[in-house]
């Protein structure tokens, strides 16, 4: 399967689709499209949120372009780029490609993971339904394809090079909820077999079935231009050779301009392959419209 050319064409097509709109930003409030998580969906760095990418209202098209670089103290490095389009604040289509460097665990080697995602807002509005406790609820799916499955993931016991994740996400913005500051709460449930988000394949000798894992995040808008928050994402443990731990981060996002955001974060991914306590950082830049 020639997935790299296909994904590059998808990324290019979505990027070209975005270009005509970049000078005509949507009318939703600042930060209500979130940032972009590592698999390409609108959300935090680790988990999808129920929000739809970009600033488009129910009569507009919005979207985002992003690039993320992450490193851990074990010399693992992750570079992800992608694009998402939000259609009428109802449907989101995203595509991303991650390149994971294995450092001195496998010198000179890297793993590429391609992700195509679709998210649909089915209920509520995270921002404007302030007179109701009901959050915004979205359903999403992500198809993932590991280009380098035979190099490392298969040797570790992973069963498949591709897999599909399914999730339901709920998000709610609480205006002035914390001493006058706006608070954004998010939670989701995800059905997945992905090992390390899919970077180490799908399923394994220990377990090869779908299970449901929770994730949650909370963020506070310190001002009109600064957002600080934290996330926790539970992950499968399918490979007997190495235990996989849950992931969490503490992030801060700056919006120097309505259409630009920069996110920095401390991350803790636990054990990765043969290395414990993989903490580190990531930086992500995003263009929104």
C-alpha atoms as a PDB file:
ATOM      1  CA  UNK A   1       0.000   0.000   0.000  1.00  0.00           C
ATOM      2  CA  UNK A   2       1.521   3.319  -1.129  1.00  0.00           C
ATOM      3  CA  UNK A   3       0.244   5.252   1.845  1.00  0.00           C
ATOM      4  CA  UNK A   4       2.841   8.059   1.874  1.00  0.00           C
ATOM      5  CA  UNK A   5       1.949   9.428  -1.584  1.00  0.00           C
ATOM      6  CA  UNK A   6      -1.751   9.022  -0.801  1.00  0.00           C
ATOM      7  CA  UNK A   7      -1.520  10.881   2.493  1.00  0.00           C
ATOM      8  CA  UNK A   8       0.654  13.590   0.966  1.00  0.00           C
ATOM      9  CA  UNK A   9      -1.995  14.111  -1.683  1.00  0.00           C
ATOM     10  CA  UNK A  10      -4.674  14.283   1.005  1.00  0.00           C
ATOM     11  CA  UNK A  11      -2.656  16.791   3.052  1.00  0.00           C
ATOM     12  CA  UNK A  12      -1.964  18.875  -0.057  1.00  0.00           C
ATOM     13  CA  UNK A  13      -5.609  18.807  -1.144  1.00  0.00           C
ATOM     14  CA  UNK A  14      -6.855  19.814   2.301  1.00  0.00           C
ATOM     15  CA  UNK A  15      -4.179  22.488   2.575  1.00  0.00           C
ATOM     16  CA  UNK A  16      -5.135  23.950  -0.809  1.00  0.00           C
ATOM     17  CA  UNK A  17      -8.787  23.866   0.239  1.00  0.00           C
ATOM     18  CA  UNK A  18      -7.891  25.951   3.299  1.00  0.00           C
ATOM     19  CA  UNK A  19      -5.857  28.631   1.484  1.00  0.00           C
ATOM     20  CA  UNK A  20      -8.780  30.654   0.049  1.00  0.00           C
ATOM     21  CA  UNK A  21     -10.227  31.024   3.569  1.00  0.00           C
ATOM     22  CA  UNK A  22      -7.106  32.090   5.454  1.00  0.00           C
ATOM     23  CA  UNK A  23      -7.827  35.794   4.966  1.00  0.00           C
ATOM     24  CA  UNK A  24     -11.494  35.334   5.924  1.00  0.00           C
ATOM     25  CA  UNK A  25     -11.394  33.897   9.423  1.00  0.00           C
ATOM     26  CA  UNK A  26     -14.570  32.474  10.921  1.00  0.00           C
ATOM     27  CA  UNK A  27     -16.621  34.214  13.563  1.00  0.00           C
ATOM     28  CA  UNK A  28     -16.399  31.845  16.538  1.00  0.00           C
ATOM     29  CA  UNK A  29     -14.701  32.985  19.739  1.00  0.00           C
ATOM     30  CA  UNK A  30     -10.921  32.812  20.200  1.00  0.00           C
ATOM     31  CA  UNK A  31      -9.607  29.351  21.162  1.00  0.00           C
ATOM     32  CA  UNK A  32     -12.974  27.611  20.665  1.00  0.00           C
ATOM     33  CA  UNK A  33     -11.425  25.367  18.009  1.00  0.00           C
ATOM     34  CA  UNK A  34      -8.841  24.117  20.509  1.00  0.00           C
ATOM     35  CA  UNK A  35      -5.334  23.322  19.328  1.00  0.00           C
ATOM     36  CA  UNK A  36      -4.436  20.090  17.530  1.00  0.00           C
ATOM     37  CA  UNK A  37      -3.690  16.751  19.163  1.00  0.00           C
ATOM     38  CA  UNK A  38      -0.909  14.529  17.858  1.00  0.00           C
ATOM     39  CA  UNK A  39      -3.236  12.493  15.634  1.00  0.00           C
ATOM     40  CA  UNK A  40      -4.613  15.574  13.890  1.00  0.00           C
ATOM     41  CA  UNK A  41      -8.010  16.208  15.491  1.00  0.00           C
ATOM     42  CA  UNK A  42      -8.985  19.470  17.174  1.00  0.00           C
ATOM     43  CA  UNK A  43      -8.416  19.166  20.918  1.00  0.00           C
ATOM     44  CA  UNK A  44      -5.501  19.263  23.313  1.00  0.00           C
ATOM     45  CA  UNK A  45      -2.095  17.812  22.562  1.00  0.00           C
ATOM     46  CA  UNK A  46      -2.991  14.271  23.673  1.00  0.00           C
ATOM     47  CA  UNK A  47      -6.734  13.859  23.186  1.00  0.00           C
ATOM     48  CA  UNK A  48      -9.509  14.946  20.813  1.00  0.00           C
ATOM     49  CA  UNK A  49     -12.055  17.396  22.157  1.00  0.00           C
ATOM     50  CA  UNK A  50     -15.659  17.694  21.005  1.00  0.00           C
ATOM     51  CA  UNK A  51     -14.943  21.048  19.350  1.00  0.00           C
ATOM     52  CA  UNK A  52     -14.658  21.363  15.571  1.00  0.00           C
ATOM     53  CA  UNK A  53     -11.413  22.670  14.082  1.00  0.00           C
ATOM     54  CA  UNK A  54     -11.138  26.335  13.159  1.00  0.00           C
ATOM     55  CA  UNK A  55     -13.404  29.316  13.724  1.00  0.00           C
ATOM     56  CA  UNK A  56     -16.184  28.563  11.254  1.00  0.00           C
ATOM     57  CA  UNK A  57     -19.776  29.028  12.431  1.00  0.00           C
ATOM     58  CA  UNK A  58     -22.706  26.939  11.253  1.00  0.00           C
ATOM     59  CA  UNK A  59     -22.644  28.986   8.045  1.00  0.00           C
ATOM     60  CA  UNK A  60     -18.867  28.968   7.497  1.00  0.00           C
ATOM     61  CA  UNK A  61     -15.941  26.696   6.723  1.00  0.00           C
ATOM     62  CA  UNK A  62     -13.001  26.786   9.126  1.00  0.00           C
ATOM     63  CA  UNK A  63      -9.872  24.764   9.715  1.00  0.00           C
ATOM     64  CA  UNK A  64      -6.243  24.622  10.768  1.00  0.00           C
ATOM     65  CA  UNK A  65      -2.712  23.710   9.754  1.00  0.00           C
ATOM     66  CA  UNK A  66      -0.285  22.450  12.409  1.00  0.00           C
ATOM     67  CA  UNK A  67       3.208  21.183  13.103  1.00  0.00           C
ATOM     68  CA  UNK A  68       4.359  19.574  16.386  1.00  0.00           C
ATOM     69  CA  UNK A  69       7.800  18.527  17.609  1.00  0.00           C
ATOM     70  CA  UNK A  70       8.251  16.476  20.792  1.00  0.00           C
ATOM     71  CA  UNK A  71      11.289  14.997  22.534  1.00  0.00           C
ATOM     72  CA  UNK A  72      11.781  12.829  25.612  1.00  0.00           C
ATOM     73  CA  UNK A  73      14.845  12.321  27.762  1.00  0.00           C
ATOM     74  CA  UNK A  74      15.378   8.887  26.168  1.00  0.00           C
ATOM     75  CA  UNK A  75      16.159  10.635  22.852  1.00  0.00           C
ATOM     76  CA  UNK A  76      12.839   9.673  21.298  1.00  0.00           C
ATOM     77  CA  UNK A  77      11.655  12.372  18.887  1.00  0.00           C
ATOM     78  CA  UNK A  78       8.274  12.891  17.275  1.00  0.00           C
ATOM     79  CA  UNK A  79       7.442  15.233  14.407  1.00  0.00           C
ATOM     80  CA  UNK A  80       3.832  15.540  13.299  1.00  0.00           C
ATOM     81  CA  UNK A  81       2.240  17.721  10.659  1.00  0.00           C
ATOM     82  CA  UNK A  82      -1.299  17.878   9.468  1.00  0.00           C
ATOM     83  CA  UNK A  83      -4.365  19.753   8.384  1.00  0.00           C
ATOM     84  CA  UNK A  84      -8.028  19.792   9.382  1.00  0.00           C
ATOM     85  CA  UNK A  85     -11.153  21.312   7.862  1.00  0.00           C
ATOM     86  CA  UNK A  86     -14.225  22.192   9.898  1.00  0.00           C
ATOM     87  CA  UNK A  87     -17.447  22.238   7.899  1.00  0.00           C
ATOM     88  CA  UNK A  88     -20.190  24.504   9.282  1.00  0.00           C
ATOM     89  CA  UNK A  89     -19.174  23.793  12.899  1.00  0.00           C
ATOM     90  CA  UNK A  90     -20.612  20.318  12.393  1.00  0.00           C
ATOM     91  CA  UNK A  91     -18.101  18.032  10.648  1.00  0.00           C
ATOM     92  CA  UNK A  92     -14.310  17.884  10.877  1.00  0.00           C
ATOM     93  CA  UNK A  93     -12.026  16.052   8.446  1.00  0.00           C
ATOM     94  CA  UNK A  94      -8.344  15.747   9.350  1.00  0.00           C
ATOM     95  CA  UNK A  95      -5.148  14.186   8.043  1.00  0.00           C
ATOM     96  CA  UNK A  96      -1.740  13.949   9.715  1.00  0.00           C
ATOM     97  CA  UNK A  97       1.586  12.199   9.402  1.00  0.00           C
ATOM     98  CA  UNK A  98       3.849  11.456  12.384  1.00  0.00           C
ATOM     99  CA  UNK A  99       7.538  10.540  12.190  1.00  0.00           C
ATOM    100  CA  UNK A 100       8.894   8.918  15.345  1.00  0.00           C
ATOM    101  CA  UNK A 101      12.669   8.708  15.794  1.00  0.00           C
ATOM    102  CA  UNK A 102      13.809   5.738  17.890  1.00  0.00           C
ATOM    103  CA  UNK A 103      17.025   7.327  19.152  1.00  0.00           C
ATOM    104  CA  UNK A 104      19.665   4.929  20.462  1.00  0.00           C
ATOM    105  CA  UNK A 105      17.061   2.182  20.996  1.00  0.00           C
ATOM    106  CA  UNK A 106      17.301   1.477  17.254  1.00  0.00           C
ATOM    107  CA  UNK A 107      19.923   3.940  15.961  1.00  0.00           C
ATOM    108  CA  UNK A 108      18.967   5.716  12.765  1.00  0.00           C
ATOM    109  CA  UNK A 109      15.499   4.152  12.599  1.00  0.00           C
ATOM    110  CA  UNK A 110      12.150   5.891  12.570  1.00  0.00           C
ATOM    111  CA  UNK A 111       8.487   4.936  12.325  1.00  0.00           C
ATOM    112  CA  UNK A 112       5.889   6.767  10.229  1.00  0.00           C
ATOM    113  CA  UNK A 113       2.219   6.783  11.163  1.00  0.00           C
ATOM    114  CA  UNK A 114      -0.506   8.208   8.924  1.00  0.00           C
ATOM    115  CA  UNK A 115      -3.900   9.156  10.341  1.00  0.00           C
ATOM    116  CA  UNK A 116      -7.136  10.137   8.627  1.00  0.00           C
ATOM    117  CA  UNK A 117      -9.887  11.341  10.941  1.00  0.00           C
ATOM    118  CA  UNK A 118     -13.557  12.330  10.855  1.00  0.00           C
ATOM    119  CA  UNK A 119     -15.465  13.972  13.706  1.00  0.00           C
ATOM    120  CA  UNK A 120     -19.153  14.914  13.840  1.00  0.00           C
ATOM    121  CA  UNK A 121     -20.803  17.221  16.383  1.00  0.00           C
ATOM    122  CA  UNK A 122     -24.032  15.475  17.328  1.00  0.00           C
ATOM    123  CA  UNK A 123     -25.339  17.486  20.274  1.00  0.00           C
ATOM    124  CA  UNK A 124     -24.948  20.758  22.132  1.00  0.00           C
ATOM    125  CA  UNK A 125     -22.604  23.725  21.796  1.00  0.00           C
ATOM    126  CA  UNK A 126     -19.619  24.012  24.130  1.00  0.00           C
ATOM    127  CA  UNK A 127     -19.724  27.819  24.148  1.00  0.00           C
ATOM    128  CA  UNK A 128     -23.197  29.174  23.505  1.00  0.00           C
ATOM    129  CA  UNK A 129     -25.375  26.760  25.508  1.00  0.00           C
ATOM    130  CA  UNK A 130     -24.520  28.512  28.789  1.00  0.00           C
ATOM    131  CA  UNK A 131     -28.053  28.164  30.109  1.00  0.00           C
ATOM    132  CA  UNK A 132     -27.763  24.363  29.971  1.00  0.00           C
ATOM    133  CA  UNK A 133     -25.489  21.882  31.725  1.00  0.00           C
ATOM    134  CA  UNK A 134     -25.375  19.834  28.508  1.00  0.00           C
ATOM    135  CA  UNK A 135     -21.875  19.762  26.930  1.00  0.00           C
ATOM    136  CA  UNK A 136     -21.034  19.662  23.272  1.00  0.00           C
ATOM    137  CA  UNK A 137     -20.818  15.997  22.247  1.00  0.00           C
ATOM    138  CA  UNK A 138     -19.042  14.681  19.178  1.00  0.00           C
ATOM    139  CA  UNK A 139     -18.389  11.255  17.694  1.00  0.00           C
ATOM    140  CA  UNK A 140     -15.123  10.567  15.926  1.00  0.00           C
ATOM    141  CA  UNK A 141     -13.063   7.929  14.197  1.00  0.00           C
ATOM    142  CA  UNK A 142      -9.416   7.782  13.144  1.00  0.00           C
ATOM    143  CA  UNK A 143      -7.955   5.363  10.623  1.00  0.00           C
ATOM    144  CA  UNK A 144      -4.241   4.822  11.248  1.00  0.00           C
ATOM    145  CA  UNK A 145      -1.655   3.170   9.008  1.00  0.00           C
ATOM    146  CA  UNK A 146       1.864   2.308  10.207  1.00  0.00           C
ATOM    147  CA  UNK A 147       4.273   2.472   7.262  1.00  0.00           C
ATOM    148  CA  UNK A 148       7.168   0.844   9.108  1.00  0.00           C
ATOM    149  CA  UNK A 149       5.295  -1.974  10.813  1.00  0.00           C
ATOM    150  CA  UNK A 150       7.737  -4.714   9.777  1.00  0.00           C
ATOM    151  CA  UNK A 151      10.784  -2.894  11.163  1.00  0.00           C
ATOM    152  CA  UNK A 152      10.008  -2.733  14.905  1.00  0.00           C
ATOM    153  CA  UNK A 153       6.305  -3.110  15.825  1.00  0.00           C
ATOM    154  CA  UNK A 154       5.946  -6.592  14.340  1.00  0.00           C
ATOM    155  CA  UNK A 155       9.143  -7.751  16.061  1.00  0.00           C
ATOM    156  CA  UNK A 156       7.721  -6.590  19.401  1.00  0.00           C
ATOM    157  CA  UNK A 157       4.596  -8.697  18.928  1.00  0.00           C
ATOM    158  CA  UNK A 158       2.121  -6.236  17.390  1.00  0.00           C
ATOM    159  CA  UNK A 159      -0.534  -7.952  15.274  1.00  0.00           C
ATOM    160  CA  UNK A 160      -1.523  -5.349  12.679  1.00  0.00           C
ATOM    161  CA  UNK A 161      -0.004  -2.401  10.844  1.00  0.00           C
ATOM    162  CA  UNK A 162      -3.326  -0.525  10.656  1.00  0.00           C
ATOM    163  CA  UNK A 163      -6.254   0.076  12.936  1.00  0.00           C
ATOM    164  CA  UNK A 164      -9.293   2.259  13.543  1.00  0.00           C
ATOM    165  CA  UNK A 165      -9.950   4.176  16.761  1.00  0.00           C
ATOM    166  CA  UNK A 166     -13.478   5.245  17.727  1.00  0.00           C
ATOM    167  CA  UNK A 167     -14.288   7.887  20.322  1.00  0.00           C
ATOM    168  CA  UNK A 168     -17.005   9.997  21.868  1.00  0.00           C
ATOM    169  CA  UNK A 169     -15.947  13.386  23.239  1.00  0.00           C
ATOM    170  CA  UNK A 170     -17.688  15.930  25.448  1.00  0.00           C
ATOM    171  CA  UNK A 171     -16.574  19.555  25.933  1.00  0.00           C
ATOM    172  CA  UNK A 172     -17.996  22.454  27.931  1.00  0.00           C
ATOM    173  CA  UNK A 173     -16.813  26.043  28.366  1.00  0.00           C
ATOM    174  CA  UNK A 174     -17.814  27.482  31.744  1.00  0.00           C
ATOM    175  CA  UNK A 175     -17.740  31.267  31.596  1.00  0.00           C
ATOM    176  CA  UNK A 176     -16.261  32.917  34.694  1.00  0.00           C
ATOM    177  CA  UNK A 177     -16.354  29.638  36.607  1.00  0.00           C
ATOM    178  CA  UNK A 178     -13.014  29.983  38.409  1.00  0.00           C
ATOM    179  CA  UNK A 179     -12.731  33.318  40.183  1.00  0.00           C
ATOM    180  CA  UNK A 180     -13.886  35.045  37.006  1.00  0.00           C
ATOM    181  CA  UNK A 181     -11.757  32.982  34.628  1.00  0.00           C
ATOM    182  CA  UNK A 182     -13.269  30.827  31.884  1.00  0.00           C
ATOM    183  CA  UNK A 183     -12.773  27.067  32.308  1.00  0.00           C
ATOM    184  CA  UNK A 184     -12.849  24.480  29.537  1.00  0.00           C
ATOM    185  CA  UNK A 185     -13.602  20.876  30.548  1.00  0.00           C
ATOM    186  CA  UNK A 186     -13.253  17.859  28.264  1.00  0.00           C
ATOM    187  CA  UNK A 187     -13.727  14.117  28.563  1.00  0.00           C
ATOM    188  CA  UNK A 188     -13.802  11.256  26.116  1.00  0.00           C
ATOM    189  CA  UNK A 189     -14.029   7.502  25.792  1.00  0.00           C
ATOM    190  CA  UNK A 190     -11.987   5.799  23.103  1.00  0.00           C
ATOM    191  CA  UNK A 191     -12.197   2.264  21.720  1.00  0.00           C
ATOM    192  CA  UNK A 192      -8.745   1.318  20.464  1.00  0.00           C
ATOM    193  CA  UNK A 193      -6.097  -1.392  20.027  1.00  0.00           C
ATOM    194  CA  UNK A 194      -3.297   1.068  19.229  1.00  0.00           C
ATOM    195  CA  UNK A 195       0.119   0.587  20.845  1.00  0.00           C
ATOM    196  CA  UNK A 196       1.700   3.972  21.678  1.00  0.00           C
ATOM    197  CA  UNK A 197      -0.978   5.744  19.608  1.00  0.00           C
ATOM    198  CA  UNK A 198      -0.288   3.315  16.729  1.00  0.00           C
ATOM    199  CA  UNK A 199       3.454   4.008  16.461  1.00  0.00           C
ATOM    200  CA  UNK A 200       4.082   0.424  17.636  1.00  0.00           C
ATOM    201  CA  UNK A 201       1.252  -1.113  15.626  1.00  0.00           C
ATOM    202  CA  UNK A 202      -2.093  -2.450  16.796  1.00  0.00           C
ATOM    203  CA  UNK A 203      -2.970  -5.321  19.104  1.00  0.00           C
ATOM    204  CA  UNK A 204      -0.411  -7.715  20.491  1.00  0.00           C
ATOM    205  CA  UNK A 205       0.466 -11.095  21.959  1.00  0.00           C
ATOM    206  CA  UNK A 206      -0.885 -10.006  25.353  1.00  0.00           C
ATOM    207  CA  UNK A 207      -4.217  -8.648  24.069  1.00  0.00           C
ATOM    208  CA  UNK A 208      -5.714  -8.201  20.612  1.00  0.00           C
ATOM    209  CA  UNK A 209      -9.187  -6.849  21.200  1.00  0.00           C
ATOM    210  CA  UNK A 210     -10.846  -3.483  21.478  1.00  0.00           C
ATOM    211  CA  UNK A 211     -11.206  -1.978  24.920  1.00  0.00           C
ATOM    212  CA  UNK A 212     -12.542   1.384  25.989  1.00  0.00           C
ATOM    213  CA  UNK A 213     -10.161   3.879  27.605  1.00  0.00           C
ATOM    214  CA  UNK A 214     -10.981   7.272  29.150  1.00  0.00           C
ATOM    215  CA  UNK A 215      -9.259  10.602  28.747  1.00  0.00           C
ATOM    216  CA  UNK A 216      -9.888  13.936  30.416  1.00  0.00           C
ATOM    217  CA  UNK A 217      -8.567  17.475  30.346  1.00  0.00           C
ATOM    218  CA  UNK A 218      -9.179  20.871  31.901  1.00  0.00           C
ATOM    219  CA  UNK A 219      -7.958  24.287  30.850  1.00  0.00           C
ATOM    220  CA  UNK A 220      -8.235  27.825  32.196  1.00  0.00           C
ATOM    221  CA  UNK A 221      -8.143  30.989  30.093  1.00  0.00           C
ATOM    222  CA  UNK A 222      -5.793  33.228  32.056  1.00  0.00           C
ATOM    223  CA  UNK A 223      -6.490  36.092  29.657  1.00  0.00           C
ATOM    224  CA  UNK A 224      -7.790  36.633  26.153  1.00  0.00           C
ATOM    225  CA  UNK A 225      -4.489  35.315  24.787  1.00  0.00           C
ATOM    226  CA  UNK A 226      -3.311  32.637  27.241  1.00  0.00           C
ATOM    227  CA  UNK A 227      -4.668  29.170  27.982  1.00  0.00           C
ATOM    228  CA  UNK A 228      -3.155  26.760  30.526  1.00  0.00           C
ATOM    229  CA  UNK A 229      -4.293  23.216  31.188  1.00  0.00           C
ATOM    230  CA  UNK A 230      -3.585  19.559  31.736  1.00  0.00           C
ATOM    231  CA  UNK A 231      -4.589  16.244  30.129  1.00  0.00           C
ATOM    232  CA  UNK A 232      -4.618  12.577  31.081  1.00  0.00           C
ATOM    233  CA  UNK A 233      -5.072   9.810  28.519  1.00  0.00           C
ATOM    234  CA  UNK A 234      -5.295   6.112  29.338  1.00  0.00           C
ATOM    235  CA  UNK A 235      -3.766   3.724  26.805  1.00  0.00           C
ATOM    236  CA  UNK A 236      -3.804  -0.023  26.054  1.00  0.00           C
ATOM    237  CA  UNK A 237      -1.127  -2.426  27.272  1.00  0.00           C
ATOM    238  CA  UNK A 238      -1.136  -5.072  24.536  1.00  0.00           C
ATOM    239  CA  UNK A 239       2.525  -6.125  24.280  1.00  0.00           C
ATOM    240  CA  UNK A 240       4.029  -8.462  26.844  1.00  0.00           C
ATOM    241  CA  UNK A 241       7.590  -7.477  25.979  1.00  0.00           C
ATOM    242  CA  UNK A 242       7.153  -3.885  27.245  1.00  0.00           C
ATOM    243  CA  UNK A 243       4.551  -2.409  29.567  1.00  0.00           C
ATOM    244  CA  UNK A 244       2.750   0.642  28.192  1.00  0.00           C
ATOM    245  CA  UNK A 245       1.793   3.442  30.591  1.00  0.00           C
ATOM    246  CA  UNK A 246      -0.768   6.207  30.455  1.00  0.00           C
ATOM    247  CA  UNK A 247       0.129   9.664  29.135  1.00  0.00           C
ATOM    248  CA  UNK A 248      -0.379  13.098  30.624  1.00  0.00           C
ATOM    249  CA  UNK A 249       0.766  16.644  29.994  1.00  0.00           C
ATOM    250  CA  UNK A 250       0.685  20.182  31.331  1.00  0.00           C
ATOM    251  CA  UNK A 251       0.382  22.721  28.539  1.00  0.00           C
ATOM    252  CA  UNK A 252       0.248  26.436  27.901  1.00  0.00           C
ATOM    253  CA  UNK A 253      -1.062  27.994  24.703  1.00  0.00           C
ATOM    254  CA  UNK A 254      -0.462  31.549  23.513  1.00  0.00           C
ATOM    255  CA  UNK A 255      -2.600  33.216  20.867  1.00  0.00           C
ATOM    256  CA  UNK A 256      -0.427  36.112  19.588  1.00  0.00           C
ATOM    257  CA  UNK A 257      -2.987  36.610  16.839  1.00  0.00           C
ATOM    258  CA  UNK A 258      -6.493  35.290  16.334  1.00  0.00           C
ATOM    259  CA  UNK A 259      -5.244  33.050  13.525  1.00  0.00           C
ATOM    260  CA  UNK A 260      -2.053  31.814  15.201  1.00  0.00           C
ATOM    261  CA  UNK A 261      -1.429  29.729  18.300  1.00  0.00           C
ATOM    262  CA  UNK A 262       1.755  28.393  19.899  1.00  0.00           C
ATOM    263  CA  UNK A 263       1.635  25.593  22.472  1.00  0.00           C
ATOM    264  CA  UNK A 264       4.378  24.366  24.771  1.00  0.00           C
ATOM    265  CA  UNK A 265       3.989  21.444  27.154  1.00  0.00           C
ATOM    266  CA  UNK A 266       5.632  19.137  29.632  1.00  0.00           C
ATOM    267  CA  UNK A 267       4.773  15.532  28.769  1.00  0.00           C
ATOM    268  CA  UNK A 268       5.015  12.259  30.647  1.00  0.00           C
ATOM    269  CA  UNK A 269       4.573   9.195  28.447  1.00  0.00           C
ATOM    270  CA  UNK A 270       5.791   6.634  30.980  1.00  0.00           C
ATOM    271  CA  UNK A 271       7.584   3.677  29.468  1.00  0.00           C
ATOM    272  CA  UNK A 272       8.366   3.699  25.742  1.00  0.00           C
ATOM    273  CA  UNK A 273       9.861   0.442  24.402  1.00  0.00           C
ATOM    274  CA  UNK A 274      12.894  -0.323  26.601  1.00  0.00           C
ATOM    275  CA  UNK A 275      13.034   2.994  28.469  1.00  0.00           C
ATOM    276  CA  UNK A 276      11.154   3.979  31.612  1.00  0.00           C
ATOM    277  CA  UNK A 277      10.077   7.430  32.780  1.00  0.00           C
ATOM    278  CA  UNK A 278       9.930   9.099  29.397  1.00  0.00           C
ATOM    279  CA  UNK A 279       9.246  12.698  30.287  1.00  0.00           C
ATOM    280  CA  UNK A 280       9.990  15.573  27.970  1.00  0.00           C
ATOM    281  CA  UNK A 281       8.421  18.479  26.116  1.00  0.00           C
ATOM    282  CA  UNK A 282       6.639  19.407  22.967  1.00  0.00           C
ATOM    283  CA  UNK A 283       6.126  22.570  20.936  1.00  0.00           C
ATOM    284  CA  UNK A 284       3.290  23.011  18.486  1.00  0.00           C
ATOM    285  CA  UNK A 285       2.429  25.806  16.082  1.00  0.00           C
ATOM    286  CA  UNK A 286      -0.947  26.201  14.444  1.00  0.00           C
ATOM    287  CA  UNK A 287      -2.673  28.450  11.923  1.00  0.00           C
ATOM    288  CA  UNK A 288      -6.443  28.738  12.422  1.00  0.00           C
ATOM    289  CA  UNK A 289      -9.127  30.392  10.340  1.00  0.00           C
END
